[in-house]
Amino acid sequence: MELGALFSSSKSNLVGRSITPEYPFDHWLADAEEMLRAVEKAGFRYIAVTHTYENSWAHPIVLLSRLAGISGKLRLSTEILQLPLLNPMDAAYELSLLDNICGGRLDIGIGIGYHPKELQAIGITRADRVSRFEEGVQIMRQFWSGAPVHHHGKYFTVDGLQLAVPPVQKPSPPLLGSSHSDAAAKRAARMLDGILVSPQVTFADLKSLIDVYKEEWAEHHTGTPTDVGAWRAMIIGKDPGDAAAKGVAGGEVTFKRYGEGGMQEKSMHKIRLELKEDDAADWAILGNYENLLEGLRRCRDEFGITRLTCNFYNLPKDLAARREWLQGFGEQVIARL
C-alpha cells in the first residue's frame, strides 16, 4: 500500500498554519517546500492537494505545478478536483500540461462537488452535478486521445478542437473517483480508473463502499482493480485513547464546511462531522507509531486498499518538530508497512 500526505487549506495541513496577513502565502509556500522534502525523505509515495474556493488559497493544479519541480519522485494527486465546477476542455489542457511538467507523475482525483455557494457561482444545481460530471469525463478523455474532439452534449459543445500537448501517461493520468455513496462507487468502477473513498466515513462503511466498487468493477472489467484508495484521519497521541482526547481538546478535527454545505445526503453513508471520544476509533486512525502502523495494515489487509491519503492532525506545532515526527513515522511505520 502506498501512502500519501495531504497538503490542504485547513489547519490540518502539513505546514500546520493557515494563510493570514501575518503569515502570507509566500511564507507558507517556503515552509511547504521544506515539508515536501521531509515527506519524500520519510518514504511517502505521493502528495495530495484539495480543491475548494471558499476560504481557500491554493488551487490544486496551480500549487502542484509550483511544487512539481522539487517533488523528486513523489506522485502528485488532486484530491478532490470538483469537475462540475470546471470547463472540461480547460481541465483537460491544464491537467495534461501538469502531467508533462511533473514527468508523468500525476493522479487525478475527481468528484461531483457539493457546496451550494460554489455550484451557484457556476450556474448549476445539485441536480446537474452527476450528468455534468459524466459529460466532463467524456470530453477530457476525448481530448487526451489526441484526436480532434467533436462533442455535442447537454452542457458543452466542441467542434474540432485538438489538444496540442498530450499527457505523458497513456492513455491519460489515472482518474480516481471520490465516493461517499454506493452510486459514486459504482460510477467510479464504470467510468474511471480507480476509487478514492472520501473522508469521515466509518471503517465499516469504508469496507462497504470498496466492496460495492469491486463488485461493479467485475461487471465491466477483467482482472482486479489496482487503484483502490481512501482518505483517513490520523490523530496523534501516546495511545488511541490519548489521541482521541487530544483531538477533541484541540478542536481541529471538525468538518464545519461539510455541515454548512449540506454535504450529507440521504444516498450517502453517514459522514462524521466532528470528533467524539466515544466513536473516534470507528473512523480515524489513532495513537502512537505502533497504533498507526496497525491501523494502516488493517486498511491494506482487511479492506484491500492500495493507496491511502493521510490527513494528519495535531502534529507538533514547530516545523522542525513536525519534520522529526514525520521522519520517525517513515522509519517506524512506512518502512514496516
C-alpha atoms as a PDB file:
ATOM      1  CA  MET A   1       0.000   0.000   0.000  1.00  0.00           C
ATOM      2  CA  GLU A   2       1.307   3.441  -0.959  1.00  0.00           C
ATOM      3  CA  LEU A   3       0.851   6.355   1.429  1.00  0.00           C
ATOM      4  CA  GLY A   4       0.256   9.982   0.526  1.00  0.00           C
ATOM      5  CA  ALA A   5       0.402  13.147   2.625  1.00  0.00           C
ATOM      6  CA  LEU A   6      -2.316  15.779   2.378  1.00  0.00           C
ATOM      7  CA  PHE A   7      -1.452  19.432   1.763  1.00  0.00           C
ATOM      8  CA  SER A   8      -4.804  21.067   2.484  1.00  0.00           C
ATOM      9  CA  SER A   9      -6.025  24.610   3.038  1.00  0.00           C
ATOM     10  CA  SER A  10      -7.060  23.914   6.623  1.00  0.00           C
ATOM     11  CA  LYS A  11      -5.148  23.913   9.898  1.00  0.00           C
ATOM     12  CA  SER A  12      -4.611  20.186   9.423  1.00  0.00           C
ATOM     13  CA  ASN A  13      -2.247  20.798   6.514  1.00  0.00           C
ATOM     14  CA  LEU A  14       1.296  19.556   6.936  1.00  0.00           C
ATOM     15  CA  VAL A  15       2.669  23.045   7.409  1.00  0.00           C
ATOM     16  CA  GLY A  16       0.326  23.458  10.365  1.00  0.00           C
ATOM     17  CA  ARG A  17      -0.687  27.048   9.708  1.00  0.00           C
ATOM     18  CA  SER A  18      -3.257  28.763   7.539  1.00  0.00           C
ATOM     19  CA  ILE A  19      -2.611  31.826   5.423  1.00  0.00           C
ATOM     20  CA  THR A  20      -3.121  35.117   7.278  1.00  0.00           C
ATOM     21  CA  PRO A  21      -1.914  38.696   6.778  1.00  0.00           C
ATOM     22  CA  GLU A  22       0.784  37.929   9.355  1.00  0.00           C
ATOM     23  CA  TYR A  23       1.687  34.657   7.620  1.00  0.00           C
ATOM     24  CA  PRO A  24       1.332  35.365   3.885  1.00  0.00           C
ATOM     25  CA  PHE A  25       1.258  32.812   1.115  1.00  0.00           C
ATOM     26  CA  ASP A  26       4.920  33.170   0.133  1.00  0.00           C
ATOM     27  CA  HIS A  27       5.942  32.276   3.700  1.00  0.00           C
ATOM     28  CA  TRP A  28       3.585  29.306   3.664  1.00  0.00           C
ATOM     29  CA  LEU A  29       4.985  28.183   0.307  1.00  0.00           C
ATOM     30  CA  ALA A  30       8.557  28.246   1.611  1.00  0.00           C
ATOM     31  CA  ASP A  31       7.518  26.103   4.576  1.00  0.00           C
ATOM     32  CA  ALA A  32       5.506  23.794   2.297  1.00  0.00           C
ATOM     33  CA  GLU A  33       8.574  23.194   0.154  1.00  0.00           C
ATOM     34  CA  GLU A  34      10.525  22.289   3.283  1.00  0.00           C
ATOM     35  CA  MET A  35       7.828  19.865   4.389  1.00  0.00           C
ATOM     36  CA  LEU A  36       7.652  18.391   0.892  1.00  0.00           C
ATOM     37  CA  ARG A  37      11.274  17.321   1.154  1.00  0.00           C
ATOM     38  CA  ALA A  38      10.585  15.809   4.578  1.00  0.00           C
ATOM     39  CA  VAL A  39       7.606  13.881   3.167  1.00  0.00           C
ATOM     40  CA  GLU A  40       9.700  12.365   0.388  1.00  0.00           C
ATOM     41  CA  LYS A  41      12.541  11.520   2.778  1.00  0.00           C
ATOM     42  CA  ALA A  42      10.094   9.759   5.110  1.00  0.00           C
ATOM     43  CA  GLY A  43       9.014   7.421   2.307  1.00  0.00           C
ATOM     44  CA  PHE A  44       5.614   8.709   1.259  1.00  0.00           C
ATOM     45  CA  ARG A  45       4.807   7.986  -2.373  1.00  0.00           C
ATOM     46  CA  TYR A  46       2.600  10.976  -3.215  1.00  0.00           C
ATOM     47  CA  ILE A  47       1.242  14.306  -2.033  1.00  0.00           C
ATOM     48  CA  ALA A  48      -2.381  15.382  -2.384  1.00  0.00           C
ATOM     49  CA  VAL A  49      -3.864  18.879  -2.678  1.00  0.00           C
ATOM     50  CA  THR A  50      -7.517  19.716  -2.050  1.00  0.00           C
ATOM     51  CA  HIS A  51      -9.838  21.822  -4.221  1.00  0.00           C
ATOM     52  CA  THR A  52     -12.165  24.360  -2.635  1.00  0.00           C
ATOM     53  CA  TYR A  53     -12.930  28.004  -3.379  1.00  0.00           C
ATOM     54  CA  GLU A  54     -14.445  29.354  -0.183  1.00  0.00           C
ATOM     55  CA  ASN A  55     -11.749  30.324   2.344  1.00  0.00           C
ATOM     56  CA  SER A  56      -9.125  28.643   0.173  1.00  0.00           C
ATOM     57  CA  TRP A  57      -5.781  29.827  -1.131  1.00  0.00           C
ATOM     58  CA  ALA A  58      -4.479  27.008  -3.292  1.00  0.00           C
ATOM     59  CA  HIS A  59      -5.955  25.635  -6.492  1.00  0.00           C
ATOM     60  CA  PRO A  60      -4.538  22.108  -6.816  1.00  0.00           C
ATOM     61  CA  ILE A  61      -3.407  22.409 -10.432  1.00  0.00           C
ATOM     62  CA  VAL A  62      -1.593  25.683  -9.756  1.00  0.00           C
ATOM     63  CA  LEU A  63       0.008  24.581  -6.486  1.00  0.00           C
ATOM     64  CA  LEU A  64       1.074  21.183  -7.823  1.00  0.00           C
ATOM     65  CA  SER A  65       2.631  22.879 -10.861  1.00  0.00           C
ATOM     66  CA  ARG A  66       4.682  25.014  -8.466  1.00  0.00           C
ATOM     67  CA  LEU A  67       5.738  22.060  -6.318  1.00  0.00           C
ATOM     68  CA  ALA A  68       6.408  19.648  -9.193  1.00  0.00           C
ATOM     69  CA  GLY A  69       9.975  20.793  -9.753  1.00  0.00           C
ATOM     70  CA  ILE A  70      11.066  19.990  -6.194  1.00  0.00           C
ATOM     71  CA  SER A  71       8.869  16.946  -5.600  1.00  0.00           C
ATOM     72  CA  GLY A  72      11.524  14.386  -6.539  1.00  0.00           C
ATOM     73  CA  LYS A  73       9.920  11.033  -7.250  1.00  0.00           C
ATOM     74  CA  LEU A  74       6.686  11.802  -5.412  1.00  0.00           C
ATOM     75  CA  ARG A  75       3.490  11.459  -7.399  1.00  0.00           C
ATOM     76  CA  LEU A  76       1.130  14.447  -7.378  1.00  0.00           C
ATOM     77  CA  SER A  77      -2.584  13.971  -6.731  1.00  0.00           C
ATOM     78  CA  THR A  78      -5.625  16.231  -6.912  1.00  0.00           C
ATOM     79  CA  GLU A  79      -7.933  15.253  -4.057  1.00  0.00           C
ATOM     80  CA  ILE A  80     -10.528  16.101  -4.926  1.00  0.00           C
ATOM     81  CA  LEU A  81     -10.849  18.170  -8.115  1.00  0.00           C
ATOM     82  CA  GLN A  82     -14.515  19.173  -8.336  1.00  0.00           C
ATOM     83  CA  LEU A  83     -15.016  18.561 -12.039  1.00  0.00           C
ATOM     84  CA  PRO A  84     -18.517  20.089 -12.491  1.00  0.00           C
ATOM     85  CA  LEU A  85     -17.111  23.451 -11.360  1.00  0.00           C
ATOM     86  CA  LEU A  86     -14.628  23.440 -14.259  1.00  0.00           C
ATOM     87  CA  ASN A  87     -14.815  23.627 -18.030  1.00  0.00           C
ATOM     88  CA  PRO A  88     -13.658  20.137 -19.052  1.00  0.00           C
ATOM     89  CA  MET A  89     -11.704  21.466 -22.035  1.00  0.00           C
ATOM     90  CA  ASP A  90      -9.683  23.748 -19.742  1.00  0.00           C
ATOM     91  CA  ALA A  91      -9.284  20.919 -17.251  1.00  0.00           C
ATOM     92  CA  ALA A  92      -8.042  18.552 -19.959  1.00  0.00           C
ATOM     93  CA  TYR A  93      -5.483  21.120 -21.185  1.00  0.00           C
ATOM     94  CA  GLU A  94      -4.235  22.103 -17.736  1.00  0.00           C
ATOM     95  CA  LEU A  95      -4.026  18.569 -16.373  1.00  0.00           C
ATOM     96  CA  SER A  96      -2.223  17.365 -19.492  1.00  0.00           C
ATOM     97  CA  LEU A  97       0.296  20.175 -19.124  1.00  0.00           C
ATOM     98  CA  LEU A  98       0.730  19.360 -15.424  1.00  0.00           C
ATOM     99  CA  ASP A  99       1.376  15.721 -16.317  1.00  0.00           C
ATOM    100  CA  ASN A 100       4.134  16.947 -18.630  1.00  0.00           C
ATOM    101  CA  ILE A 101       5.556  19.334 -16.021  1.00  0.00           C
ATOM    102  CA  CYS A 102       5.904  16.512 -13.483  1.00  0.00           C
ATOM    103  CA  GLY A 103       7.092  13.925 -15.997  1.00  0.00           C
ATOM    104  CA  GLY A 104       4.057  11.662 -15.849  1.00  0.00           C
ATOM    105  CA  ARG A 105       3.631  11.538 -12.068  1.00  0.00           C
ATOM    106  CA  LEU A 106       0.066  12.886 -11.905  1.00  0.00           C
ATOM    107  CA  ASP A 107      -3.004  11.189 -10.406  1.00  0.00           C
ATOM    108  CA  ILE A 108      -6.359  12.926 -10.852  1.00  0.00           C
ATOM    109  CA  GLY A 109      -8.908  12.502  -8.080  1.00  0.00           C
ATOM    110  CA  ILE A 110     -12.261  13.924  -9.194  1.00  0.00           C
ATOM    111  CA  GLY A 111     -15.701  14.371  -7.681  1.00  0.00           C
ATOM    112  CA  ILE A 112     -19.088  15.976  -8.333  1.00  0.00           C
ATOM    113  CA  GLY A 113     -18.871  18.884  -5.834  1.00  0.00           C
ATOM    114  CA  TYR A 114     -21.411  19.749  -3.176  1.00  0.00           C
ATOM    115  CA  HIS A 115     -21.172  23.259  -1.725  1.00  0.00           C
ATOM    116  CA  PRO A 116     -24.176  25.379  -2.809  1.00  0.00           C
ATOM    117  CA  LYS A 117     -22.186  28.636  -2.995  1.00  0.00           C
ATOM    118  CA  GLU A 118     -19.722  27.116  -5.450  1.00  0.00           C
ATOM    119  CA  LEU A 119     -22.410  25.439  -7.537  1.00  0.00           C
ATOM    120  CA  GLN A 120     -24.382  28.700  -7.675  1.00  0.00           C
ATOM    121  CA  ALA A 121     -21.342  30.620  -8.894  1.00  0.00           C
ATOM    122  CA  ILE A 122     -21.033  28.226 -11.851  1.00  0.00           C
ATOM    123  CA  GLY A 123     -24.754  28.420 -12.580  1.00  0.00           C
ATOM    124  CA  ILE A 124     -25.639  24.802 -11.818  1.00  0.00           C
ATOM    125  CA  THR A 125     -27.656  22.982  -9.172  1.00  0.00           C
ATOM    126  CA  ARG A 126     -27.119  19.758  -7.273  1.00  0.00           C
ATOM    127  CA  ALA A 127     -29.328  18.039  -9.833  1.00  0.00           C
ATOM    128  CA  ASP A 128     -26.833  18.937 -12.579  1.00  0.00           C
ATOM    129  CA  ARG A 129     -23.768  17.516 -10.876  1.00  0.00           C
ATOM    130  CA  VAL A 130     -23.729  13.887 -11.990  1.00  0.00           C
ATOM    131  CA  SER A 131     -24.648  14.489 -15.631  1.00  0.00           C
ATOM    132  CA  ARG A 132     -22.201  17.403 -15.902  1.00  0.00           C
ATOM    133  CA  PHE A 133     -19.508  15.265 -14.246  1.00  0.00           C
ATOM    134  CA  GLU A 134     -20.049  12.345 -16.630  1.00  0.00           C
ATOM    135  CA  GLU A 135     -20.059  14.596 -19.686  1.00  0.00           C
ATOM    136  CA  GLY A 136     -16.899  16.274 -18.427  1.00  0.00           C
ATOM    137  CA  VAL A 137     -15.104  12.936 -18.092  1.00  0.00           C
ATOM    138  CA  GLN A 138     -16.097  12.014 -21.650  1.00  0.00           C
ATOM    139  CA  ILE A 139     -14.757  15.306 -23.012  1.00  0.00           C
ATOM    140  CA  MET A 140     -11.458  15.085 -21.135  1.00  0.00           C
ATOM    141  CA  ARG A 141     -10.847  11.538 -22.367  1.00  0.00           C
ATOM    142  CA  GLN A 142     -11.572  12.649 -25.937  1.00  0.00           C
ATOM    143  CA  PHE A 143      -9.038  15.474 -25.688  1.00  0.00           C
ATOM    144  CA  TRP A 144      -6.435  13.147 -24.172  1.00  0.00           C
ATOM    145  CA  SER A 145      -6.846  10.720 -27.073  1.00  0.00           C
ATOM    146  CA  GLY A 146      -5.014  13.231 -29.281  1.00  0.00           C
ATOM    147  CA  ALA A 147      -7.725  13.282 -31.950  1.00  0.00           C
ATOM    148  CA  PRO A 148      -9.862  16.326 -32.807  1.00  0.00           C
ATOM    149  CA  VAL A 149     -12.832  16.498 -30.462  1.00  0.00           C
ATOM    150  CA  HIS A 150     -16.388  16.623 -31.778  1.00  0.00           C
ATOM    151  CA  HIS A 151     -18.872  16.676 -28.937  1.00  0.00           C
ATOM    152  CA  HIS A 152     -22.463  17.925 -28.724  1.00  0.00           C
ATOM    153  CA  GLY A 153     -23.841  17.364 -25.252  1.00  0.00           C
ATOM    154  CA  LYS A 154     -26.201  18.796 -22.678  1.00  0.00           C
ATOM    155  CA  TYR A 155     -23.676  21.255 -21.246  1.00  0.00           C
ATOM    156  CA  PHE A 156     -20.811  21.535 -23.743  1.00  0.00           C
ATOM    157  CA  THR A 157     -20.241  21.721 -27.488  1.00  0.00           C
ATOM    158  CA  VAL A 158     -16.819  21.152 -29.051  1.00  0.00           C
ATOM    159  CA  ASP A 159     -16.255  21.205 -32.820  1.00  0.00           C
ATOM    160  CA  GLY A 160     -12.828  20.061 -33.946  1.00  0.00           C
ATOM    161  CA  LEU A 161     -10.537  21.361 -31.201  1.00  0.00           C
ATOM    162  CA  GLN A 162      -7.432  19.278 -30.595  1.00  0.00           C
ATOM    163  CA  LEU A 163      -5.033  19.076 -27.662  1.00  0.00           C
ATOM    164  CA  ALA A 164      -1.546  20.296 -28.636  1.00  0.00           C
ATOM    165  CA  VAL A 165       0.319  18.750 -25.681  1.00  0.00           C
ATOM    166  CA  PRO A 166      -0.978  15.251 -24.859  1.00  0.00           C
ATOM    167  CA  PRO A 167      -0.360  13.795 -21.406  1.00  0.00           C
ATOM    168  CA  VAL A 168       2.789  11.799 -20.757  1.00  0.00           C
ATOM    169  CA  GLN A 169       0.822   8.892 -19.276  1.00  0.00           C
ATOM    170  CA  LYS A 170      -1.130   6.886 -21.815  1.00  0.00           C
ATOM    171  CA  PRO A 171      -3.985   6.967 -22.419  1.00  0.00           C
ATOM    172  CA  SER A 172      -4.156   9.500 -19.578  1.00  0.00           C
ATOM    173  CA  PRO A 173      -3.207  10.039 -15.946  1.00  0.00           C
ATOM    174  CA  PRO A 174      -5.272   7.757 -13.681  1.00  0.00           C
ATOM    175  CA  LEU A 175      -8.742   9.124 -12.945  1.00  0.00           C
ATOM    176  CA  LEU A 176      -9.857   8.267  -9.408  1.00  0.00           C
ATOM    177  CA  GLY A 177     -13.447   8.888  -8.326  1.00  0.00           C
ATOM    178  CA  SER A 178     -14.372  10.340  -4.952  1.00  0.00           C
ATOM    179  CA  SER A 179     -17.015   8.314  -3.157  1.00  0.00           C
ATOM    180  CA  HIS A 180     -19.278   8.777  -0.138  1.00  0.00           C
ATOM    181  CA  SER A 181     -22.137   6.765  -1.688  1.00  0.00           C
ATOM    182  CA  ASP A 182     -22.748   3.431  -3.385  1.00  0.00           C
ATOM    183  CA  ALA A 183     -23.778   5.257  -6.567  1.00  0.00           C
ATOM    184  CA  ALA A 184     -20.463   7.129  -6.679  1.00  0.00           C
ATOM    185  CA  ALA A 185     -18.535   3.905  -6.056  1.00  0.00           C
ATOM    186  CA  LYS A 186     -20.338   2.226  -8.959  1.00  0.00           C
ATOM    187  CA  ARG A 187     -19.748   5.250 -11.190  1.00  0.00           C
ATOM    188  CA  ALA A 188     -16.028   5.114 -10.430  1.00  0.00           C
ATOM    189  CA  ALA A 189     -15.954   1.433 -11.377  1.00  0.00           C
ATOM    190  CA  ARG A 190     -17.786   2.037 -14.657  1.00  0.00           C
ATOM    191  CA  MET A 191     -16.182   5.258 -15.877  1.00  0.00           C
ATOM    192  CA  LEU A 192     -12.865   5.757 -14.126  1.00  0.00           C
ATOM    193  CA  ASP A 193      -9.606   4.008 -13.275  1.00  0.00           C
ATOM    194  CA  GLY A 194      -9.945   3.840  -9.508  1.00  0.00           C
ATOM    195  CA  ILE A 195     -11.757   4.975  -6.391  1.00  0.00           C
ATOM    196  CA  LEU A 196     -10.924   7.341  -3.522  1.00  0.00           C
ATOM    197  CA  VAL A 197     -13.260   6.757  -0.600  1.00  0.00           C
ATOM    198  CA  SER A 198     -13.762  10.205   0.867  1.00  0.00           C
ATOM    199  CA  PRO A 199     -13.020  11.109   4.487  1.00  0.00           C
ATOM    200  CA  GLN A 200     -15.187  10.849   7.578  1.00  0.00           C
ATOM    201  CA  VAL A 201     -16.972   7.553   6.946  1.00  0.00           C
ATOM    202  CA  THR A 202     -16.543   4.696   9.406  1.00  0.00           C
ATOM    203  CA  PHE A 203     -14.301   1.731   8.729  1.00  0.00           C
ATOM    204  CA  ALA A 204     -17.430  -0.396   8.284  1.00  0.00           C
ATOM    205  CA  ASP A 205     -18.738   1.978   5.599  1.00  0.00           C
ATOM    206  CA  LEU A 206     -15.270   2.162   4.052  1.00  0.00           C
ATOM    207  CA  LYS A 207     -15.333  -1.600   3.576  1.00  0.00           C
ATOM    208  CA  SER A 208     -18.885  -1.485   2.230  1.00  0.00           C
ATOM    209  CA  LEU A 209     -18.023   1.154  -0.379  1.00  0.00           C
ATOM    210  CA  ILE A 210     -14.957  -0.753  -1.533  1.00  0.00           C
ATOM    211  CA  ASP A 211     -16.976  -3.974  -1.804  1.00  0.00           C
ATOM    212  CA  VAL A 212     -19.581  -2.175  -3.926  1.00  0.00           C
ATOM    213  CA  TYR A 213     -16.809  -0.752  -6.106  1.00  0.00           C
ATOM    214  CA  LYS A 214     -15.146  -4.134  -6.634  1.00  0.00           C
ATOM    215  CA  GLU A 215     -18.428  -5.847  -7.468  1.00  0.00           C
ATOM    216  CA  GLU A 216     -19.255  -3.195 -10.074  1.00  0.00           C
ATOM    217  CA  TRP A 217     -15.700  -3.294 -11.410  1.00  0.00           C
ATOM    218  CA  ALA A 218     -16.022  -7.031 -12.048  1.00  0.00           C
ATOM    219  CA  GLU A 219     -19.101  -6.352 -14.187  1.00  0.00           C
ATOM    220  CA  HIS A 220     -17.165  -4.070 -16.551  1.00  0.00           C
ATOM    221  CA  HIS A 221     -13.528  -5.214 -16.479  1.00  0.00           C
ATOM    222  CA  THR A 222     -11.329  -8.249 -16.488  1.00  0.00           C
ATOM    223  CA  GLY A 223      -8.788  -8.531 -13.704  1.00  0.00           C
ATOM    224  CA  THR A 224      -8.821  -6.879 -10.310  1.00  0.00           C
ATOM    225  CA  PRO A 225      -8.730  -3.107  -9.717  1.00  0.00           C
ATOM    226  CA  THR A 226      -5.331  -1.698  -8.808  1.00  0.00           C
ATOM    227  CA  ASP A 227      -6.246   1.829  -7.657  1.00  0.00           C
ATOM    228  CA  VAL A 228      -8.329   1.316  -4.516  1.00  0.00           C
ATOM    229  CA  GLY A 229      -7.821   4.441  -2.432  1.00  0.00           C
ATOM    230  CA  ALA A 230      -9.143   6.220   0.636  1.00  0.00           C
ATOM    231  CA  TRP A 231      -8.602   9.171   2.962  1.00  0.00           C
ATOM    232  CA  ARG A 232      -8.103   8.565   6.663  1.00  0.00           C
ATOM    233  CA  ALA A 233      -7.750  10.975   9.548  1.00  0.00           C
ATOM    234  CA  MET A 234      -4.558  10.358  11.567  1.00  0.00           C
ATOM    235  CA  ILE A 235      -4.675  11.665  15.139  1.00  0.00           C
ATOM    236  CA  ILE A 236      -1.537  11.511  17.256  1.00  0.00           C
ATOM    237  CA  GLY A 237      -1.155  10.553  20.922  1.00  0.00           C
ATOM    238  CA  LYS A 238       0.512   8.205  23.401  1.00  0.00           C
ATOM    239  CA  ASP A 239      -2.205   5.628  22.646  1.00  0.00           C
ATOM    240  CA  PRO A 240      -5.624   5.648  20.906  1.00  0.00           C
ATOM    241  CA  GLY A 241      -7.465   6.995  23.941  1.00  0.00           C
ATOM    242  CA  ASP A 242      -4.945   9.767  24.481  1.00  0.00           C
ATOM    243  CA  ALA A 243      -5.074  10.668  20.785  1.00  0.00           C
ATOM    244  CA  ALA A 244      -8.873  10.904  20.809  1.00  0.00           C
ATOM    245  CA  ALA A 245      -8.817  13.106  23.905  1.00  0.00           C
ATOM    246  CA  LYS A 246      -6.182  15.380  22.413  1.00  0.00           C
ATOM    247  CA  GLY A 247      -8.112  15.580  19.151  1.00  0.00           C
ATOM    248  CA  VAL A 248     -11.271  16.632  20.938  1.00  0.00           C
ATOM    249  CA  ALA A 249      -9.416  19.139  23.122  1.00  0.00           C
ATOM    250  CA  GLY A 250      -7.610  20.629  20.123  1.00  0.00           C
ATOM    251  CA  GLY A 251     -10.872  21.252  18.286  1.00  0.00           C
ATOM    252  CA  GLU A 252      -9.241  20.889  14.861  1.00  0.00           C
ATOM    253  CA  VAL A 253     -10.889  17.642  13.796  1.00  0.00           C
ATOM    254  CA  THR A 254     -14.119  19.190  12.577  1.00  0.00           C
ATOM    255  CA  PHE A 255     -15.672  19.472   9.155  1.00  0.00           C
ATOM    256  CA  LYS A 256     -17.732  22.617   9.570  1.00  0.00           C
ATOM    257  CA  ARG A 257     -17.691  23.261   5.820  1.00  0.00           C
ATOM    258  CA  TYR A 258     -19.273  19.851   5.144  1.00  0.00           C
ATOM    259  CA  GLY A 259     -22.103  20.667   7.541  1.00  0.00           C
ATOM    260  CA  GLU A 260     -22.701  24.183   6.260  1.00  0.00           C
ATOM    261  CA  GLY A 261     -22.593  22.993   2.664  1.00  0.00           C
ATOM    262  CA  GLY A 262     -25.097  20.205   3.204  1.00  0.00           C
ATOM    263  CA  MET A 263     -22.610  17.523   2.210  1.00  0.00           C
ATOM    264  CA  GLN A 264     -24.639  14.787   3.906  1.00  0.00           C
ATOM    265  CA  GLU A 265     -27.349  13.427   1.605  1.00  0.00           C
ATOM    266  CA  LYS A 266     -29.769  10.556   2.045  1.00  0.00           C
ATOM    267  CA  SER A 267     -27.997   8.418  -0.536  1.00  0.00           C
ATOM    268  CA  MET A 268     -24.628   8.734   1.208  1.00  0.00           C
ATOM    269  CA  HIS A 269     -23.071   6.795   4.028  1.00  0.00           C
ATOM    270  CA  LYS A 270     -23.037   8.806   7.243  1.00  0.00           C
ATOM    271  CA  ILE A 271     -20.276  11.410   7.498  1.00  0.00           C
ATOM    272  CA  ARG A 272     -18.704  12.166  10.867  1.00  0.00           C
ATOM    273  CA  LEU A 273     -18.592  15.949  11.134  1.00  0.00           C
ATOM    274  CA  GLU A 274     -16.817  16.176  14.483  1.00  0.00           C
ATOM    275  CA  LEU A 275     -14.539  14.105  16.660  1.00  0.00           C
ATOM    276  CA  LYS A 276     -16.035  12.444  19.730  1.00  0.00           C
ATOM    277  CA  GLU A 277     -14.005  10.321  22.091  1.00  0.00           C
ATOM    278  CA  ASP A 278     -16.585   7.530  22.188  1.00  0.00           C
ATOM    279  CA  ASP A 279     -16.597   6.871  18.429  1.00  0.00           C
ATOM    280  CA  ALA A 280     -13.299   8.277  17.150  1.00  0.00           C
ATOM    281  CA  ALA A 281     -11.832   4.799  16.630  1.00  0.00           C
ATOM    282  CA  ASP A 282     -14.746   3.978  14.292  1.00  0.00           C
ATOM    283  CA  TRP A 283     -13.407   6.280  11.576  1.00  0.00           C
ATOM    284  CA  ALA A 284      -9.948   7.617  12.473  1.00  0.00           C
ATOM    285  CA  ILE A 285      -6.536   6.013  12.979  1.00  0.00           C
ATOM    286  CA  LEU A 286      -5.380   6.987  16.447  1.00  0.00           C
ATOM    287  CA  GLY A 287      -2.328   6.780  18.659  1.00  0.00           C
ATOM    288  CA  ASN A 288       1.429   6.292  18.516  1.00  0.00           C
ATOM    289  CA  TYR A 289       3.575   4.935  15.699  1.00  0.00           C
ATOM    290  CA  GLU A 290       2.712   1.316  16.556  1.00  0.00           C
ATOM    291  CA  ASN A 291      -1.029   2.075  16.692  1.00  0.00           C
ATOM    292  CA  LEU A 292      -0.874   3.915  13.365  1.00  0.00           C
ATOM    293  CA  LEU A 293       1.003   1.015  11.777  1.00  0.00           C
ATOM    294  CA  GLU A 294      -1.662  -1.402  12.998  1.00  0.00           C
ATOM    295  CA  GLY A 295      -4.441   0.785  11.599  1.00  0.00           C
ATOM    296  CA  LEU A 296      -2.757   1.120   8.221  1.00  0.00           C
ATOM    297  CA  ARG A 297      -2.117  -2.605   7.978  1.00  0.00           C
ATOM    298  CA  ARG A 298      -5.800  -3.148   8.641  1.00  0.00           C
ATOM    299  CA  CYS A 299      -6.692  -0.829   5.753  1.00  0.00           C
ATOM    300  CA  ARG A 300      -4.393  -2.779   3.463  1.00  0.00           C
ATOM    301  CA  ASP A 301      -5.105  -6.342   4.580  1.00  0.00           C
ATOM    302  CA  GLU A 302      -8.776  -6.216   5.608  1.00  0.00           C
ATOM    303  CA  PHE A 303     -10.121  -3.698   3.092  1.00  0.00           C
ATOM    304  CA  GLY A 304      -7.743  -4.173   0.155  1.00  0.00           C
ATOM    305  CA  ILE A 305      -6.708  -0.524  -0.022  1.00  0.00           C
ATOM    306  CA  THR A 306      -3.742   0.069  -2.329  1.00  0.00           C
ATOM    307  CA  ARG A 307      -3.263   3.812  -1.695  1.00  0.00           C
ATOM    308  CA  LEU A 308      -4.142   5.842   1.365  1.00  0.00           C
ATOM    309  CA  THR A 309      -4.034   9.610   1.863  1.00  0.00           C
ATOM    310  CA  CYS A 310      -3.043  10.530   5.413  1.00  0.00           C
ATOM    311  CA  ASN A 311      -4.721  13.636   6.819  1.00  0.00           C
ATOM    312  CA  PHE A 312      -2.563  14.346   9.875  1.00  0.00           C
ATOM    313  CA  TYR A 313      -3.999  16.236  12.818  1.00  0.00           C
ATOM    314  CA  ASN A 314      -2.357  17.614  15.980  1.00  0.00           C
ATOM    315  CA  LEU A 315       1.229  17.194  14.789  1.00  0.00           C
ATOM    316  CA  PRO A 316       3.850  19.187  16.725  1.00  0.00           C
ATOM    317  CA  LYS A 317       3.412  22.935  16.224  1.00  0.00           C
ATOM    318  CA  ASP A 318       7.061  23.657  15.495  1.00  0.00           C
ATOM    319  CA  LEU A 319       8.063  22.952  11.899  1.00  0.00           C
ATOM    320  CA  ALA A 320      11.338  21.264  12.869  1.00  0.00           C
ATOM    321  CA  ALA A 321       9.460  19.031  15.324  1.00  0.00           C
ATOM    322  CA  ARG A 322       6.994  18.151  12.567  1.00  0.00           C
ATOM    323  CA  ARG A 323       9.831  17.092  10.284  1.00  0.00           C
ATOM    324  CA  GLU A 324      11.299  14.985  13.069  1.00  0.00           C
ATOM    325  CA  TRP A 325       7.938  13.303  13.754  1.00  0.00           C
ATOM    326  CA  LEU A 326       7.484  12.538  10.049  1.00  0.00           C
ATOM    327  CA  GLN A 327      10.941  11.036   9.878  1.00  0.00           C
ATOM    328  CA  GLY A 328      10.023   8.770  12.787  1.00  0.00           C
ATOM    329  CA  PHE A 329       6.771   7.901  11.015  1.00  0.00           C
ATOM    330  CA  GLY A 330       8.798   6.897   7.985  1.00  0.00           C
ATOM    331  CA  GLU A 331      11.131   4.701   9.999  1.00  0.00           C
ATOM    332  CA  GLN A 332       8.598   3.170  12.378  1.00  0.00           C
ATOM    333  CA  VAL A 333       5.538   2.971  10.133  1.00  0.00           C
ATOM    334  CA  ILE A 334       6.165   3.285   6.400  1.00  0.00           C
ATOM    335  CA  ALA A 335       9.281   1.109   6.406  1.00  0.00           C
ATOM    336  CA  ARG A 336       7.380  -1.646   8.242  1.00  0.00           C
ATOM    337  CA  LEU A 337       4.115  -1.420   6.303  1.00  0.00           C
END
